């Protein structure tokens, strides 16, 4: 499955897209753990969100591998 990357996520991964074996992560929680395991720098950004089909997804959301997935980095504003 393809995971789009923005902001600091793109910098950490070194690409605007991450390819993940659909069998490696069947839920958003498993995907988040896989991302942190593969790219430990994400531990610094524990508040990063994952969107599925353009909506923030809960960790319990089950993935099929056909969704539009993106890593949404933490944002700050003033």
C-alpha atoms as a PDB file:
ATOM      1  CA  UNK A   1       0.000   0.000   0.000  1.00  0.00           C
ATOM      2  CA  UNK A   2       1.138   3.541  -0.656  1.00  0.00           C
ATOM      3  CA  UNK A   3       1.429   6.033   2.171  1.00  0.00           C
ATOM      4  CA  UNK A   4       1.833   9.676   1.225  1.00  0.00           C
ATOM      5  CA  UNK A   5       4.226  11.731   3.349  1.00  0.00           C
ATOM      6  CA  UNK A   6       4.142  15.452   4.080  1.00  0.00           C
ATOM      7  CA  UNK A   7       6.349  17.918   5.970  1.00  0.00           C
ATOM      8  CA  UNK A   8       8.697  16.371   8.514  1.00  0.00           C
ATOM      9  CA  UNK A   9       7.420  12.891   7.599  1.00  0.00           C
ATOM     10  CA  UNK A  10       8.740  13.379   4.067  1.00  0.00           C
ATOM     11  CA  UNK A  11      12.083  14.550   5.468  1.00  0.00           C
ATOM     12  CA  UNK A  12      12.413  11.550   7.798  1.00  0.00           C
ATOM     13  CA  UNK A  13      11.484   8.999   5.141  1.00  0.00           C
ATOM     14  CA  UNK A  14      13.379  10.779   2.368  1.00  0.00           C
ATOM     15  CA  UNK A  15      10.486  10.536  -0.059  1.00  0.00           C
ATOM     16  CA  UNK A  16       6.955  11.804  -0.519  1.00  0.00           C
ATOM     17  CA  UNK A  17       5.688   8.228  -0.619  1.00  0.00           C
ATOM     18  CA  UNK A  18       6.256   5.116   1.481  1.00  0.00           C
ATOM     19  CA  UNK A  19       5.411   1.664   0.131  1.00  0.00           C
ATOM     20  CA  UNK A  20       4.208  -0.768   2.805  1.00  0.00           C
ATOM     21  CA  UNK A  21       3.374  -4.437   2.362  1.00  0.00           C
ATOM     22  CA  UNK A  22      -0.385  -4.650   3.050  1.00  0.00           C
ATOM     23  CA  UNK A  23       0.217  -7.828   5.064  1.00  0.00           C
ATOM     24  CA  UNK A  24       2.559  -5.954   7.408  1.00  0.00           C
ATOM     25  CA  UNK A  25      -0.094  -3.581   8.750  1.00  0.00           C
ATOM     26  CA  UNK A  26      -3.769  -4.394   8.814  1.00  0.00           C
ATOM     27  CA  UNK A  27      -4.818  -1.537  11.082  1.00  0.00           C
ATOM     28  CA  UNK A  28      -3.801   2.077  11.561  1.00  0.00           C
ATOM     29  CA  UNK A  29      -2.228   1.103  14.889  1.00  0.00           C
ATOM     30  CA  UNK A  30      -0.097  -1.577  13.219  1.00  0.00           C
ATOM     31  CA  UNK A  31       0.887   0.894  10.490  1.00  0.00           C
ATOM     32  CA  UNK A  32       1.899   3.495  13.091  1.00  0.00           C
ATOM     33  CA  UNK A  33       4.031   0.900  14.945  1.00  0.00           C
ATOM     34  CA  UNK A  34       5.638  -0.239  11.683  1.00  0.00           C
ATOM     35  CA  UNK A  35       6.491   3.346  10.732  1.00  0.00           C
ATOM     36  CA  UNK A  36       8.094   4.000  14.141  1.00  0.00           C
ATOM     37  CA  UNK A  37       9.962   0.685  14.035  1.00  0.00           C
ATOM     38  CA  UNK A  38      11.287   1.377  10.532  1.00  0.00           C
ATOM     39  CA  UNK A  39      11.968   5.081  11.130  1.00  0.00           C
ATOM     40  CA  UNK A  40      12.707   5.510  14.884  1.00  0.00           C
ATOM     41  CA  UNK A  41      12.927   9.290  14.510  1.00  0.00           C
ATOM     42  CA  UNK A  42       9.107   9.286  14.422  1.00  0.00           C
ATOM     43  CA  UNK A  43       9.157   8.566  18.170  1.00  0.00           C
ATOM     44  CA  UNK A  44       9.983  12.260  18.622  1.00  0.00           C
ATOM     45  CA  UNK A  45       6.728  13.081  16.845  1.00  0.00           C
ATOM     46  CA  UNK A  46       4.322  10.835  18.716  1.00  0.00           C
ATOM     47  CA  UNK A  47       1.437  13.124  17.817  1.00  0.00           C
ATOM     48  CA  UNK A  48       1.641  12.394  14.091  1.00  0.00           C
ATOM     49  CA  UNK A  49      -1.704  11.400  12.640  1.00  0.00           C
ATOM     50  CA  UNK A  50      -2.620   8.999   9.892  1.00  0.00           C
ATOM     51  CA  UNK A  51      -5.398   9.848   7.492  1.00  0.00           C
ATOM     52  CA  UNK A  52      -7.345   7.305   5.512  1.00  0.00           C
ATOM     53  CA  UNK A  53      -9.357   8.473   2.529  1.00  0.00           C
ATOM     54  CA  UNK A  54      -8.804  12.108   3.544  1.00  0.00           C
ATOM     55  CA  UNK A  55     -10.060  11.741   7.146  1.00  0.00           C
ATOM     56  CA  UNK A  56      -8.123  11.291  10.370  1.00  0.00           C
ATOM     57  CA  UNK A  57      -8.279   7.610  11.288  1.00  0.00           C
ATOM     58  CA  UNK A  58      -8.430   5.985  14.705  1.00  0.00           C
ATOM     59  CA  UNK A  59      -5.855   3.334  15.519  1.00  0.00           C
ATOM     60  CA  UNK A  60      -8.562   0.674  15.388  1.00  0.00           C
ATOM     61  CA  UNK A  61      -9.402   1.419  11.732  1.00  0.00           C
ATOM     62  CA  UNK A  62      -8.880  -1.727   9.647  1.00  0.00           C
ATOM     63  CA  UNK A  63      -6.896  -1.275   6.426  1.00  0.00           C
ATOM     64  CA  UNK A  64      -7.492  -3.162   3.190  1.00  0.00           C
ATOM     65  CA  UNK A  65      -4.525  -1.716   1.306  1.00  0.00           C
ATOM     66  CA  UNK A  66      -6.735   0.079  -1.205  1.00  0.00           C
ATOM     67  CA  UNK A  67      -7.228   3.286   0.769  1.00  0.00           C
ATOM     68  CA  UNK A  68      -5.610   6.677   0.229  1.00  0.00           C
ATOM     69  CA  UNK A  69      -3.300   6.845   3.268  1.00  0.00           C
ATOM     70  CA  UNK A  70      -1.156   9.738   4.449  1.00  0.00           C
ATOM     71  CA  UNK A  71       1.075  10.589   7.383  1.00  0.00           C
ATOM     72  CA  UNK A  72       0.022  13.948   8.762  1.00  0.00           C
ATOM     73  CA  UNK A  73       2.893  15.485  10.745  1.00  0.00           C
ATOM     74  CA  UNK A  74       2.264  17.409  13.943  1.00  0.00           C
ATOM     75  CA  UNK A  75       1.428  21.044  13.324  1.00  0.00           C
ATOM     76  CA  UNK A  76       1.836  24.102  15.448  1.00  0.00           C
ATOM     77  CA  UNK A  77       0.310  27.468  15.009  1.00  0.00           C
ATOM     78  CA  UNK A  78      -0.048  30.802  16.571  1.00  0.00           C
END
